[in-house]
N, C-alpha and C. Protein backbone atom coordinates (compact mmCIF):
# COMPACT_ATOMS: atom_id res chain seq x y z
N MET A 1 -85.19 68.82 -142.46
CA MET A 1 -85.73 67.91 -143.45
C MET A 1 -84.62 67.35 -144.34
N ARG A 2 -83.68 68.22 -144.74
CA ARG A 2 -82.57 67.76 -145.58
C ARG A 2 -81.69 66.77 -144.84
N ILE A 3 -81.48 67.02 -143.57
CA ILE A 3 -80.64 66.12 -142.78
C ILE A 3 -81.30 64.74 -142.69
N ARG A 4 -82.61 64.73 -142.50
CA ARG A 4 -83.35 63.47 -142.43
C ARG A 4 -83.22 62.69 -143.75
N LEU A 5 -83.37 63.36 -144.88
CA LEU A 5 -83.23 62.72 -146.19
C LEU A 5 -81.81 62.20 -146.39
N MET A 6 -80.83 62.97 -145.96
CA MET A 6 -79.44 62.53 -146.08
C MET A 6 -79.20 61.27 -145.24
N LEU A 7 -79.73 61.25 -144.02
CA LEU A 7 -79.57 60.09 -143.15
C LEU A 7 -80.23 58.86 -143.75
N VAL A 8 -81.44 59.02 -144.30
CA VAL A 8 -82.14 57.91 -144.94
C VAL A 8 -81.32 57.40 -146.12
N ALA A 9 -80.76 58.30 -146.93
CA ALA A 9 -79.94 57.90 -148.08
C ALA A 9 -78.69 57.15 -147.63
N ILE A 10 -78.06 57.61 -146.56
CA ILE A 10 -76.86 56.95 -146.04
C ILE A 10 -77.19 55.55 -145.53
N VAL A 11 -78.29 55.44 -144.76
CA VAL A 11 -78.70 54.13 -144.24
C VAL A 11 -79.04 53.18 -145.37
N MET A 12 -79.78 53.66 -146.37
CA MET A 12 -80.15 52.81 -147.52
C MET A 12 -78.90 52.36 -148.28
N GLY A 13 -77.95 53.25 -148.47
CA GLY A 13 -76.68 52.90 -149.14
C GLY A 13 -75.92 51.85 -148.37
N PHE A 14 -75.88 52.01 -147.02
CA PHE A 14 -75.19 51.04 -146.18
C PHE A 14 -75.86 49.67 -146.27
N LEU A 15 -77.17 49.63 -146.25
CA LEU A 15 -77.90 48.36 -146.37
C LEU A 15 -77.64 47.70 -147.71
N ALA A 16 -77.61 48.47 -148.79
CA ALA A 16 -77.34 47.92 -150.12
C ALA A 16 -75.94 47.32 -150.17
N LEU A 17 -74.96 48.02 -149.60
CA LEU A 17 -73.58 47.51 -149.59
C LEU A 17 -73.46 46.27 -148.71
N SER A 18 -74.13 46.25 -147.57
CA SER A 18 -74.02 45.09 -146.69
C SER A 18 -74.65 43.86 -147.33
N ASN A 19 -75.74 44.01 -148.08
CA ASN A 19 -76.34 42.87 -148.79
C ASN A 19 -75.39 42.34 -149.84
N ALA A 20 -74.68 43.21 -150.55
CA ALA A 20 -73.73 42.78 -151.57
C ALA A 20 -72.58 42.02 -150.92
N ALA A 21 -72.15 42.46 -149.73
CA ALA A 21 -71.04 41.81 -149.04
C ALA A 21 -71.41 40.41 -148.57
N PHE A 22 -72.70 40.17 -148.30
CA PHE A 22 -73.13 38.87 -147.81
C PHE A 22 -73.81 38.02 -148.87
N ALA A 23 -73.58 38.33 -150.12
CA ALA A 23 -74.19 37.57 -151.21
C ALA A 23 -73.65 36.14 -151.20
N THR A 24 -74.51 35.19 -151.47
CA THR A 24 -74.14 33.79 -151.55
C THR A 24 -73.47 33.53 -152.90
N ASN A 25 -72.35 32.81 -152.87
CA ASN A 25 -71.67 32.41 -154.10
C ASN A 25 -71.92 30.94 -154.36
N VAL A 26 -72.29 30.61 -155.58
CA VAL A 26 -72.55 29.22 -155.97
C VAL A 26 -71.54 28.84 -157.04
N LEU A 27 -70.83 27.74 -156.80
CA LEU A 27 -69.88 27.20 -157.77
C LEU A 27 -70.38 25.82 -158.19
N ILE A 28 -70.66 25.68 -159.48
CA ILE A 28 -71.14 24.42 -160.05
C ILE A 28 -70.01 23.86 -160.90
N THR A 29 -69.47 22.72 -160.49
CA THR A 29 -68.38 22.09 -161.23
C THR A 29 -68.88 20.78 -161.81
N ILE A 30 -68.74 20.64 -163.13
CA ILE A 30 -69.16 19.41 -163.81
C ILE A 30 -67.92 18.71 -164.33
N ASN A 31 -67.74 17.47 -163.92
CA ASN A 31 -66.62 16.67 -164.39
C ASN A 31 -67.15 15.71 -165.45
N LYS A 32 -66.72 15.93 -166.70
CA LYS A 32 -67.23 15.13 -167.81
C LYS A 32 -66.64 13.73 -167.85
N VAL A 33 -65.54 13.51 -167.13
CA VAL A 33 -64.96 12.16 -167.06
C VAL A 33 -65.77 11.31 -166.09
N SER A 34 -66.00 11.83 -164.89
CA SER A 34 -66.74 11.05 -163.88
C SER A 34 -68.26 11.21 -164.01
N GLN A 35 -68.71 12.17 -164.85
CA GLN A 35 -70.14 12.45 -165.03
C GLN A 35 -70.79 12.79 -163.69
N LYS A 36 -70.12 13.70 -162.95
CA LYS A 36 -70.63 14.16 -161.67
C LYS A 36 -70.61 15.67 -161.60
N MET A 37 -71.58 16.22 -160.90
CA MET A 37 -71.65 17.65 -160.63
C MET A 37 -71.45 17.86 -159.14
N THR A 38 -70.58 18.81 -158.81
CA THR A 38 -70.39 19.21 -157.43
C THR A 38 -70.89 20.63 -157.29
N VAL A 39 -71.72 20.87 -156.29
CA VAL A 39 -72.27 22.20 -156.05
C VAL A 39 -71.73 22.69 -154.72
N LYS A 40 -71.00 23.81 -154.78
CA LYS A 40 -70.48 24.43 -153.56
C LYS A 40 -71.20 25.75 -153.34
N VAL A 41 -71.59 25.98 -152.10
CA VAL A 41 -72.22 27.23 -151.71
C VAL A 41 -71.29 27.89 -150.70
N ASP A 42 -70.82 29.08 -151.06
CA ASP A 42 -69.85 29.81 -150.24
C ASP A 42 -68.66 28.93 -149.84
N GLY A 43 -68.16 28.15 -150.79
CA GLY A 43 -66.96 27.34 -150.59
C GLY A 43 -67.19 25.99 -149.95
N GLU A 44 -68.38 25.71 -149.49
CA GLU A 44 -68.68 24.43 -148.84
C GLU A 44 -69.45 23.52 -149.80
N THR A 45 -68.99 22.28 -149.93
CA THR A 45 -69.68 21.33 -150.81
C THR A 45 -71.04 20.98 -150.21
N GLU A 46 -72.08 21.25 -150.98
CA GLU A 46 -73.45 20.98 -150.53
C GLU A 46 -74.03 19.75 -151.22
N TYR A 47 -73.69 19.56 -152.50
CA TYR A 47 -74.29 18.46 -153.26
C TYR A 47 -73.27 17.87 -154.23
N VAL A 48 -73.39 16.56 -154.47
CA VAL A 48 -72.67 15.87 -155.54
C VAL A 48 -73.71 14.98 -156.21
N TRP A 49 -73.93 15.23 -157.50
CA TRP A 49 -75.00 14.53 -158.22
C TRP A 49 -74.47 13.91 -159.51
N PRO A 50 -75.03 12.78 -159.95
CA PRO A 50 -74.70 12.25 -161.27
C PRO A 50 -75.36 13.11 -162.36
N VAL A 51 -74.68 13.24 -163.48
CA VAL A 51 -75.19 14.01 -164.61
C VAL A 51 -74.99 13.23 -165.90
N SER A 52 -75.54 13.74 -166.97
CA SER A 52 -75.24 13.26 -168.32
C SER A 52 -74.82 14.47 -169.12
N THR A 53 -73.63 14.38 -169.71
CA THR A 53 -73.17 15.44 -170.61
C THR A 53 -73.26 14.91 -172.04
N GLY A 54 -72.72 15.66 -172.98
CA GLY A 54 -72.87 15.35 -174.40
C GLY A 54 -72.37 13.99 -174.83
N ALA A 55 -73.20 13.28 -175.55
CA ALA A 55 -72.82 11.99 -176.14
C ALA A 55 -71.86 12.25 -177.30
N ARG A 56 -71.24 11.20 -177.79
CA ARG A 56 -70.31 11.32 -178.92
C ARG A 56 -70.99 12.10 -180.06
N GLY A 57 -70.31 13.12 -180.54
CA GLY A 57 -70.85 13.94 -181.61
C GLY A 57 -71.66 15.14 -181.12
N TYR A 58 -71.91 15.19 -179.82
CA TYR A 58 -72.67 16.30 -179.22
C TYR A 58 -71.92 16.80 -177.98
N GLU A 59 -70.74 17.36 -178.20
CA GLU A 59 -69.87 17.76 -177.10
C GLU A 59 -70.49 18.81 -176.18
N THR A 60 -70.27 18.65 -174.91
CA THR A 60 -70.54 19.69 -173.92
C THR A 60 -69.22 20.44 -173.78
N PRO A 61 -69.22 21.77 -173.95
CA PRO A 61 -67.95 22.50 -173.92
C PRO A 61 -67.32 22.53 -172.53
N SER A 62 -65.99 22.54 -172.50
CA SER A 62 -65.26 22.74 -171.25
C SER A 62 -65.05 24.23 -171.08
N GLY A 63 -64.81 24.65 -169.86
CA GLY A 63 -64.52 26.05 -169.60
C GLY A 63 -65.23 26.58 -168.38
N LYS A 64 -65.09 27.89 -168.20
CA LYS A 64 -65.69 28.58 -167.05
C LYS A 64 -66.73 29.55 -167.59
N TYR A 65 -67.94 29.50 -167.05
CA TYR A 65 -69.06 30.29 -167.56
C TYR A 65 -69.83 30.94 -166.41
N ARG A 66 -70.61 31.94 -166.79
CA ARG A 66 -71.56 32.56 -165.88
C ARG A 66 -72.94 32.39 -166.51
N PRO A 67 -73.91 31.86 -165.77
CA PRO A 67 -75.24 31.73 -166.35
C PRO A 67 -75.79 33.11 -166.73
N PHE A 68 -76.59 33.13 -167.80
CA PHE A 68 -77.12 34.42 -168.25
C PHE A 68 -78.64 34.38 -168.44
N ARG A 69 -79.23 33.19 -168.36
CA ARG A 69 -80.68 33.08 -168.53
C ARG A 69 -81.18 31.84 -167.78
N MET A 70 -82.35 31.99 -167.17
CA MET A 70 -82.97 30.87 -166.46
C MET A 70 -84.42 30.77 -166.89
N GLU A 71 -84.88 29.55 -167.14
CA GLU A 71 -86.28 29.32 -167.50
C GLU A 71 -86.80 28.12 -166.74
N GLU A 72 -87.87 28.32 -166.01
CA GLU A 72 -88.43 27.26 -165.19
C GLU A 72 -89.04 26.14 -166.03
N ASP A 73 -89.73 26.50 -167.13
CA ASP A 73 -90.39 25.52 -167.99
C ASP A 73 -89.98 25.75 -169.44
N HIS A 74 -88.79 25.31 -169.80
CA HIS A 74 -88.31 25.52 -171.17
C HIS A 74 -88.55 24.25 -171.99
N PHE A 75 -88.85 24.45 -173.28
CA PHE A 75 -88.98 23.34 -174.22
C PHE A 75 -88.04 23.62 -175.38
N SER A 76 -87.22 22.64 -175.74
CA SER A 76 -86.21 22.82 -176.78
C SER A 76 -86.83 22.96 -178.16
N LYS A 77 -86.51 24.06 -178.82
CA LYS A 77 -86.97 24.28 -180.20
C LYS A 77 -86.13 23.40 -181.16
N GLU A 78 -84.92 23.10 -180.74
CA GLU A 78 -83.99 22.34 -181.58
C GLU A 78 -84.25 20.83 -181.54
N TRP A 79 -84.77 20.33 -180.43
CA TRP A 79 -84.92 18.88 -180.25
C TRP A 79 -86.38 18.51 -179.99
N ASP A 80 -87.26 18.74 -180.96
CA ASP A 80 -88.66 18.29 -180.93
C ASP A 80 -89.43 18.71 -179.68
N ASP A 81 -89.23 19.93 -179.25
CA ASP A 81 -89.91 20.46 -178.05
C ASP A 81 -89.67 19.61 -176.81
N ALA A 82 -88.47 19.05 -176.70
CA ALA A 82 -88.13 18.23 -175.53
C ALA A 82 -88.20 19.10 -174.28
N PRO A 83 -88.82 18.59 -173.21
CA PRO A 83 -88.90 19.38 -171.98
C PRO A 83 -87.52 19.53 -171.33
N MET A 84 -87.23 20.74 -170.88
CA MET A 84 -85.98 21.05 -170.19
C MET A 84 -86.33 21.84 -168.92
N PRO A 85 -86.94 21.18 -167.93
CA PRO A 85 -87.37 21.91 -166.74
C PRO A 85 -86.19 22.47 -165.94
N HIS A 86 -86.41 23.62 -165.36
CA HIS A 86 -85.42 24.29 -164.52
C HIS A 86 -84.10 24.49 -165.25
N SER A 87 -84.18 25.10 -166.43
CA SER A 87 -82.99 25.34 -167.27
C SER A 87 -82.18 26.53 -166.79
N ILE A 88 -80.87 26.32 -166.73
CA ILE A 88 -79.91 27.37 -166.41
C ILE A 88 -78.96 27.43 -167.60
N PHE A 89 -79.12 28.43 -168.47
CA PHE A 89 -78.33 28.54 -169.69
C PHE A 89 -76.98 29.19 -169.39
N PHE A 90 -75.89 28.58 -169.93
CA PHE A 90 -74.57 29.11 -169.66
C PHE A 90 -73.74 29.39 -170.91
N THR A 91 -74.19 29.01 -172.12
CA THR A 91 -73.48 29.41 -173.35
C THR A 91 -74.47 30.03 -174.32
N SER A 92 -73.95 30.89 -175.19
CA SER A 92 -74.82 31.53 -176.19
C SER A 92 -75.27 30.53 -177.25
N GLU A 93 -74.61 29.36 -177.34
CA GLU A 93 -75.02 28.32 -178.29
C GLU A 93 -76.22 27.54 -177.78
N GLY A 94 -76.63 27.77 -176.54
CA GLY A 94 -77.82 27.12 -176.01
C GLY A 94 -77.57 26.01 -175.01
N HIS A 95 -76.32 25.82 -174.58
CA HIS A 95 -76.04 24.79 -173.58
C HIS A 95 -76.62 25.23 -172.24
N ALA A 96 -77.24 24.27 -171.56
CA ALA A 96 -77.89 24.55 -170.28
C ALA A 96 -77.74 23.36 -169.34
N ILE A 97 -77.91 23.65 -168.08
CA ILE A 97 -78.08 22.60 -167.06
C ILE A 97 -79.59 22.52 -166.86
N HIS A 98 -80.16 21.32 -166.92
CA HIS A 98 -81.61 21.21 -166.78
C HIS A 98 -82.02 19.82 -166.30
N GLY A 99 -83.23 19.73 -165.82
CA GLY A 99 -83.79 18.45 -165.40
C GLY A 99 -84.09 17.58 -166.60
N SER A 100 -84.09 16.27 -166.37
CA SER A 100 -84.36 15.31 -167.44
C SER A 100 -85.09 14.10 -166.89
N MET A 101 -86.01 13.58 -167.69
CA MET A 101 -86.73 12.37 -167.29
C MET A 101 -85.88 11.12 -167.53
N TYR A 102 -84.78 11.26 -168.27
CA TYR A 102 -83.94 10.11 -168.58
C TYR A 102 -82.95 9.84 -167.45
N VAL A 103 -83.47 9.56 -166.28
CA VAL A 103 -82.62 9.37 -165.10
C VAL A 103 -81.76 8.11 -165.19
N LYS A 104 -82.20 7.13 -165.97
CA LYS A 104 -81.40 5.91 -166.12
C LYS A 104 -80.10 6.17 -166.88
N SER A 105 -80.04 7.27 -167.62
CA SER A 105 -78.83 7.62 -168.38
C SER A 105 -77.85 8.46 -167.56
N LEU A 106 -78.27 8.91 -166.38
CA LEU A 106 -77.37 9.73 -165.57
C LEU A 106 -76.14 8.92 -165.17
N GLY A 107 -75.00 9.58 -165.19
CA GLY A 107 -73.75 8.89 -164.88
C GLY A 107 -72.99 8.48 -166.13
N ARG A 108 -73.57 8.75 -167.32
CA ARG A 108 -72.86 8.48 -168.58
C ARG A 108 -73.24 9.54 -169.60
N ARG A 109 -72.41 9.66 -170.63
CA ARG A 109 -72.64 10.66 -171.67
C ARG A 109 -73.87 10.26 -172.48
N ALA A 110 -74.87 11.15 -172.55
CA ALA A 110 -76.09 10.77 -173.25
C ALA A 110 -76.86 11.96 -173.84
N SER A 111 -76.44 13.19 -173.56
CA SER A 111 -77.24 14.34 -173.98
C SER A 111 -76.82 14.86 -175.36
N HIS A 112 -77.52 15.88 -175.82
CA HIS A 112 -77.17 16.56 -177.07
C HIS A 112 -76.24 17.74 -176.80
N GLY A 113 -75.59 17.77 -175.64
CA GLY A 113 -74.63 18.82 -175.31
C GLY A 113 -74.94 19.53 -174.01
N CYS A 114 -76.19 19.45 -173.56
CA CYS A 114 -76.56 20.06 -172.29
C CYS A 114 -76.08 19.16 -171.14
N VAL A 115 -76.24 19.67 -169.92
CA VAL A 115 -75.94 18.90 -168.73
C VAL A 115 -77.27 18.51 -168.10
N ARG A 116 -77.57 17.20 -168.12
CA ARG A 116 -78.83 16.71 -167.58
C ARG A 116 -78.68 16.33 -166.11
N LEU A 117 -79.74 16.62 -165.37
CA LEU A 117 -79.81 16.30 -163.94
C LEU A 117 -81.14 15.60 -163.66
N ALA A 118 -81.20 14.87 -162.56
CA ALA A 118 -82.49 14.34 -162.11
C ALA A 118 -83.40 15.53 -161.82
N PRO A 119 -84.70 15.41 -162.12
CA PRO A 119 -85.61 16.55 -161.94
C PRO A 119 -85.57 17.19 -160.55
N GLU A 120 -85.53 16.36 -159.51
CA GLU A 120 -85.52 16.93 -158.15
C GLU A 120 -84.23 17.70 -157.87
N ASN A 121 -83.10 17.24 -158.42
CA ASN A 121 -81.83 17.94 -158.25
C ASN A 121 -81.81 19.24 -159.05
N ALA A 122 -82.41 19.21 -160.24
CA ALA A 122 -82.50 20.42 -161.06
C ALA A 122 -83.33 21.49 -160.35
N THR A 123 -84.38 21.07 -159.67
CA THR A 123 -85.22 22.00 -158.91
C THR A 123 -84.42 22.66 -157.79
N ILE A 124 -83.64 21.87 -157.07
CA ILE A 124 -82.81 22.39 -155.97
C ILE A 124 -81.78 23.37 -156.53
N LEU A 125 -81.09 22.98 -157.61
CA LEU A 125 -80.05 23.84 -158.19
C LEU A 125 -80.64 25.14 -158.70
N TYR A 126 -81.76 25.06 -159.39
CA TYR A 126 -82.43 26.24 -159.93
C TYR A 126 -82.75 27.23 -158.81
N SER A 127 -83.26 26.70 -157.72
CA SER A 127 -83.62 27.51 -156.57
C SER A 127 -82.38 28.17 -155.95
N LEU A 128 -81.29 27.41 -155.84
CA LEU A 128 -80.04 27.96 -155.30
C LEU A 128 -79.52 29.11 -156.16
N VAL A 129 -79.49 28.91 -157.47
CA VAL A 129 -78.99 29.93 -158.39
C VAL A 129 -79.92 31.14 -158.39
N GLN A 130 -81.21 30.89 -158.33
CA GLN A 130 -82.18 31.98 -158.29
C GLN A 130 -81.98 32.84 -157.04
N LYS A 131 -81.73 32.19 -155.91
CA LYS A 131 -81.53 32.90 -154.65
C LYS A 131 -80.22 33.67 -154.65
N ALA A 132 -79.13 33.03 -155.10
CA ALA A 132 -77.81 33.68 -155.11
C ALA A 132 -77.70 34.73 -156.20
N GLY A 133 -78.38 34.50 -157.30
CA GLY A 133 -78.29 35.39 -158.46
C GLY A 133 -77.29 34.84 -159.46
N MET A 134 -77.59 35.03 -160.73
CA MET A 134 -76.70 34.52 -161.79
C MET A 134 -75.32 35.17 -161.70
N GLN A 135 -75.26 36.44 -161.27
CA GLN A 135 -73.99 37.14 -161.18
C GLN A 135 -73.08 36.56 -160.10
N ASN A 136 -73.64 35.80 -159.16
CA ASN A 136 -72.86 35.17 -158.09
C ASN A 136 -72.72 33.66 -158.29
N THR A 137 -72.98 33.21 -159.52
CA THR A 137 -72.90 31.78 -159.84
C THR A 137 -71.87 31.56 -160.93
N THR A 138 -71.04 30.54 -160.76
CA THR A 138 -70.04 30.16 -161.75
C THR A 138 -70.26 28.70 -162.12
N VAL A 139 -70.19 28.41 -163.42
CA VAL A 139 -70.30 27.04 -163.92
C VAL A 139 -68.95 26.68 -164.53
N VAL A 140 -68.32 25.62 -164.04
CA VAL A 140 -67.03 25.16 -164.54
C VAL A 140 -67.22 23.74 -165.06
N LEU A 141 -66.81 23.52 -166.32
CA LEU A 141 -66.89 22.19 -166.92
C LEU A 141 -65.48 21.72 -167.21
N ARG A 142 -65.15 20.51 -166.72
CA ARG A 142 -63.83 19.92 -166.92
C ARG A 142 -63.99 18.53 -167.50
N GLY A 143 -62.89 18.04 -168.06
CA GLY A 143 -62.90 16.68 -168.55
C GLY A 143 -62.57 16.58 -170.01
N GLY A 144 -62.15 17.69 -170.59
CA GLY A 144 -61.69 17.67 -171.96
C GLY A 144 -60.26 17.16 -172.01
N PHE A 145 -59.71 17.04 -173.20
CA PHE A 145 -58.38 16.48 -173.38
C PHE A 145 -57.29 17.30 -172.70
N PHE A 146 -57.42 18.64 -172.71
CA PHE A 146 -56.35 19.49 -172.22
C PHE A 146 -56.60 20.12 -170.86
N ASP A 147 -57.74 19.93 -170.24
CA ASP A 147 -58.03 20.68 -169.02
C ASP A 147 -57.89 19.88 -167.73
N GLY A 148 -57.23 18.74 -167.78
CA GLY A 148 -56.98 17.98 -166.56
C GLY A 148 -58.25 17.61 -165.83
N GLY A 149 -59.24 17.13 -166.53
CA GLY A 149 -60.53 16.83 -165.92
C GLY A 149 -60.57 15.50 -165.21
N PHE A 150 -59.45 15.09 -164.66
CA PHE A 150 -59.41 13.84 -163.92
C PHE A 150 -59.61 14.16 -162.45
N GLY A 151 -60.52 13.50 -161.79
CA GLY A 151 -60.81 13.82 -160.38
C GLY A 151 -61.45 15.19 -160.31
N ASP A 152 -61.05 15.99 -159.32
CA ASP A 152 -61.63 17.32 -159.15
C ASP A 152 -60.71 18.42 -159.66
N GLY A 153 -59.70 18.09 -160.42
CA GLY A 153 -58.84 19.13 -160.95
C GLY A 153 -57.46 18.60 -161.26
N PHE A 154 -56.60 19.46 -161.71
CA PHE A 154 -55.28 19.08 -162.17
C PHE A 154 -54.40 18.57 -161.03
N ALA A 155 -54.59 19.11 -159.83
CA ALA A 155 -53.78 18.68 -158.68
C ALA A 155 -53.96 17.18 -158.45
N ASN A 156 -55.19 16.68 -158.53
CA ASN A 156 -55.44 15.24 -158.34
C ASN A 156 -54.79 14.43 -159.45
N PHE A 157 -54.80 14.96 -160.66
CA PHE A 157 -54.16 14.28 -161.78
C PHE A 157 -52.66 14.14 -161.52
N GLU A 158 -52.03 15.22 -161.01
CA GLU A 158 -50.60 15.17 -160.72
C GLU A 158 -50.30 14.15 -159.62
N ASP A 159 -51.15 14.09 -158.58
CA ASP A 159 -50.96 13.11 -157.50
C ASP A 159 -51.05 11.70 -158.05
N ASP A 160 -52.08 11.43 -158.87
CA ASP A 160 -52.25 10.10 -159.47
C ASP A 160 -51.05 9.75 -160.33
N LEU A 161 -50.56 10.71 -161.11
CA LEU A 161 -49.41 10.49 -161.98
C LEU A 161 -48.17 10.17 -161.15
N GLY A 162 -47.98 10.89 -160.04
CA GLY A 162 -46.83 10.65 -159.16
C GLY A 162 -46.87 9.26 -158.56
N GLN A 163 -48.04 8.83 -158.09
CA GLN A 163 -48.18 7.50 -157.50
C GLN A 163 -47.94 6.42 -158.54
N THR A 164 -48.44 6.60 -159.74
CA THR A 164 -48.25 5.64 -160.81
C THR A 164 -46.77 5.54 -161.18
N THR A 165 -46.09 6.68 -161.25
CA THR A 165 -44.66 6.71 -161.57
C THR A 165 -43.87 5.94 -160.52
N LYS A 166 -44.17 6.13 -159.24
CA LYS A 166 -43.46 5.43 -158.16
C LYS A 166 -43.66 3.92 -158.28
N LYS A 167 -44.89 3.49 -158.58
CA LYS A 167 -45.16 2.05 -158.73
C LYS A 167 -44.36 1.47 -159.89
N LEU A 168 -44.31 2.20 -161.01
CA LEU A 168 -43.55 1.72 -162.18
C LEU A 168 -42.06 1.65 -161.87
N GLN A 169 -41.53 2.65 -161.15
CA GLN A 169 -40.11 2.65 -160.81
C GLN A 169 -39.78 1.49 -159.88
N LYS A 170 -40.64 1.22 -158.91
CA LYS A 170 -40.42 0.11 -157.98
C LYS A 170 -40.40 -1.22 -158.73
N GLY A 171 -41.35 -1.39 -159.66
CA GLY A 171 -41.40 -2.61 -160.47
C GLY A 171 -40.16 -2.75 -161.34
N ALA A 172 -39.68 -1.64 -161.90
CA ALA A 172 -38.48 -1.67 -162.75
C ALA A 172 -37.26 -2.05 -161.93
N LYS A 173 -37.14 -1.55 -160.71
CA LYS A 173 -36.01 -1.88 -159.84
C LYS A 173 -36.00 -3.38 -159.53
N LYS A 174 -37.19 -3.93 -159.24
CA LYS A 174 -37.28 -5.37 -158.95
C LYS A 174 -36.83 -6.19 -160.16
N ARG A 175 -37.27 -5.79 -161.36
CA ARG A 175 -36.89 -6.53 -162.57
C ARG A 175 -35.39 -6.42 -162.84
N LEU A 176 -34.81 -5.24 -162.62
CA LEU A 176 -33.37 -5.06 -162.81
C LEU A 176 -32.58 -5.90 -161.81
N PHE A 177 -33.04 -5.94 -160.56
CA PHE A 177 -32.37 -6.75 -159.54
C PHE A 177 -32.38 -8.22 -159.95
N PHE A 178 -33.54 -8.70 -160.37
CA PHE A 178 -33.68 -10.10 -160.80
C PHE A 178 -32.78 -10.37 -162.00
N LEU A 179 -32.74 -9.44 -162.97
CA LEU A 179 -31.90 -9.60 -164.15
C LEU A 179 -30.42 -9.64 -163.76
N GLY A 180 -30.03 -8.77 -162.82
CA GLY A 180 -28.64 -8.75 -162.33
C GLY A 180 -28.25 -10.07 -161.69
N GLN A 181 -29.15 -10.63 -160.89
CA GLN A 181 -28.87 -11.91 -160.25
C GLN A 181 -28.77 -13.02 -161.28
N LEU A 182 -29.60 -12.94 -162.30
CA LEU A 182 -29.58 -13.95 -163.36
C LEU A 182 -28.24 -13.91 -164.10
N LEU A 183 -27.76 -12.70 -164.40
CA LEU A 183 -26.50 -12.55 -165.14
C LEU A 183 -25.31 -12.96 -164.30
N ASP A 184 -25.37 -12.75 -162.98
CA ASP A 184 -24.28 -13.13 -162.08
C ASP A 184 -24.26 -14.63 -161.82
N GLY A 185 -25.32 -15.28 -162.10
CA GLY A 185 -25.43 -16.70 -161.84
C GLY A 185 -25.83 -16.97 -160.39
N SER A 186 -26.22 -15.92 -159.67
CA SER A 186 -26.63 -16.08 -158.27
C SER A 186 -28.02 -16.66 -158.15
N TYR A 187 -28.75 -16.72 -159.20
CA TYR A 187 -30.13 -17.18 -159.11
C TYR A 187 -30.24 -18.61 -159.50
């Protein structure tokens, strides 16, 4: 009887560990410059959606967060009971990713600090995070002054800067050549 119980405990432990090893990871990246959200599941890009982040005076914070609370039907106590369907809260100050009826504002800064999504996209994201678990979900917000929020990260910013520098140098060389010819009287 003891051997049977030990075997059951070993098998149950193995199953628990194997489920943890195969947990789905969700990475939600919000670019406040382009007003786009990229959702990666286990490293593969699954969705790219337009969003609305904080309007002037209502900043959406930059940084890396882990969601800690989810509410399917939340209403904002701070903003006149505004509906916030499929809310995924990621800061203790109350910032969340949630659905919004203001779909015409998506793609530009318009919120009070939250990240707004089209309702159908918020439903999909909520379901993904619910399935993967908040502990396996990361929310990254970029686009502040110091975090290189241009494109999908700092590497793209460096590439853009390098290309711009080359164009400026080429233009400067042409102007210097023309100036040299002018001074020589060859022109």
